[in-house]
Amino acid sequence: MAQGEKGPRQEGMSAKKRTLSGYKACRRCKLVVPEDAKQCPNCGSEEFVHKWRGMIAVIDPAKSCIAKRLGIEKPGIYALELLEE
């Protein structure tokens, strides 16, 4: 790599952690849902956070040791950490 060139991991990245724009996470079960969702389809909660970090896609919770450890019982995409707003 030539001096001054950015590597593939540096391209477009900043030191600041980012969340996936256009989505929010349920405060109760951490399911990631579109920004326009009024109610969580997983647990029925109407409380969401817009700042969250990390995510896990769970396809078969019964076969996933990580889903079991995190207490996830339904398939979906979940936030790993909710940030205070």
Protein backbone atom coordinates (compact mmCIF):
# COMPACT_ATOMS: atom_id res chain seq x y z
CA MET A 1 0.00 0.00 0.00
CA ALA A 2 1.40 3.38 -0.96
CA GLN A 3 2.01 6.04 1.64
CA GLY A 4 -1.12 8.09 2.36
CA GLU A 5 -3.57 5.47 1.01
CA LYS A 6 -6.35 4.27 3.25
CA GLY A 7 -6.85 0.58 3.85
CA PRO A 8 -10.24 -1.08 3.30
CA ARG A 9 -11.18 -0.91 6.98
CA GLN A 10 -10.32 2.78 7.25
CA GLU A 11 -12.35 3.90 4.25
CA GLY A 12 -15.34 5.89 5.47
CA MET A 13 -14.86 4.92 9.12
CA SER A 14 -14.42 7.26 12.03
CA ALA A 15 -13.32 6.70 15.60
CA LYS A 16 -16.91 7.40 16.71
CA LYS A 17 -19.20 4.37 17.05
CA ARG A 18 -22.22 4.47 14.74
CA THR A 19 -25.65 2.87 14.69
CA LEU A 20 -27.62 1.75 11.67
CA SER A 21 -29.60 4.80 10.56
CA GLY A 22 -33.28 4.32 9.88
CA TYR A 23 -33.66 1.77 12.65
CA LYS A 24 -34.30 1.77 16.38
CA ALA A 25 -34.19 -0.91 19.07
CA CYS A 26 -36.90 -2.02 21.47
CA ARG A 27 -36.05 -0.98 25.01
CA ARG A 28 -37.53 -4.20 26.46
CA CYS A 29 -36.29 -7.00 24.14
CA LYS A 30 -33.68 -5.15 21.97
CA LEU A 31 -35.25 -6.20 18.65
CA VAL A 32 -34.10 -3.86 15.86
CA VAL A 33 -37.08 -2.42 13.97
CA PRO A 34 -37.59 0.24 11.27
CA GLU A 35 -37.74 3.84 12.46
CA ASP A 36 -41.47 4.11 11.63
CA ALA A 37 -42.54 1.10 13.78
CA LYS A 38 -45.01 2.08 16.49
CA GLN A 39 -44.95 -1.20 18.42
CA CYS A 40 -42.39 -3.98 18.78
CA PRO A 41 -43.60 -7.05 16.86
CA ASN A 42 -41.65 -9.26 19.25
CA CYS A 43 -42.81 -8.16 22.72
CA GLY A 44 -45.47 -5.50 22.08
CA SER A 45 -43.56 -2.68 23.78
CA GLU A 46 -43.92 0.88 22.50
CA GLU A 47 -40.65 2.09 24.05
CA PHE A 48 -37.63 2.36 21.75
CA VAL A 49 -34.12 3.77 21.79
CA HIS A 50 -32.48 5.39 18.79
CA LYS A 51 -28.93 4.95 20.07
CA TRP A 52 -27.65 1.38 20.17
CA ARG A 53 -24.49 -0.52 19.24
CA GLY A 54 -23.75 -3.94 17.81
CA MET A 55 -26.24 -6.41 16.49
CA ILE A 56 -26.82 -10.12 16.19
CA ALA A 57 -28.98 -11.92 13.65
CA VAL A 58 -30.69 -14.94 15.17
CA ILE A 59 -32.20 -17.44 12.75
CA ASP A 60 -32.85 -20.46 14.98
CA PRO A 61 -32.80 -19.51 18.68
CA ALA A 62 -33.27 -23.10 19.82
CA LYS A 63 -29.99 -24.11 18.16
CA SER A 64 -28.01 -20.98 19.06
CA CYS A 65 -25.94 -21.04 22.24
CA ILE A 66 -25.47 -17.25 21.92
CA ALA A 67 -29.23 -16.66 21.66
CA LYS A 68 -29.74 -18.79 24.76
CA ARG A 69 -27.08 -16.85 26.65
CA LEU A 70 -28.71 -13.54 25.64
CA GLY A 71 -32.22 -14.79 26.46
CA ILE A 72 -33.44 -14.49 22.85
CA GLU A 73 -36.34 -16.83 22.08
CA LYS A 74 -37.57 -15.54 18.69
CA PRO A 75 -35.74 -15.11 15.36
CA GLY A 76 -34.76 -11.57 14.42
CA ILE A 77 -32.04 -8.95 14.51
CA TYR A 78 -31.21 -7.69 18.00
CA ALA A 79 -29.10 -4.84 19.36
CA LEU A 80 -26.30 -5.92 21.66
CA GLU A 81 -26.12 -2.70 23.66
CA LEU A 82 -28.68 0.06 24.24
CA LEU A 83 -27.20 3.48 24.89
CA GLU A 84 -28.74 6.03 27.22
CA GLU A 85 -30.66 8.84 25.56
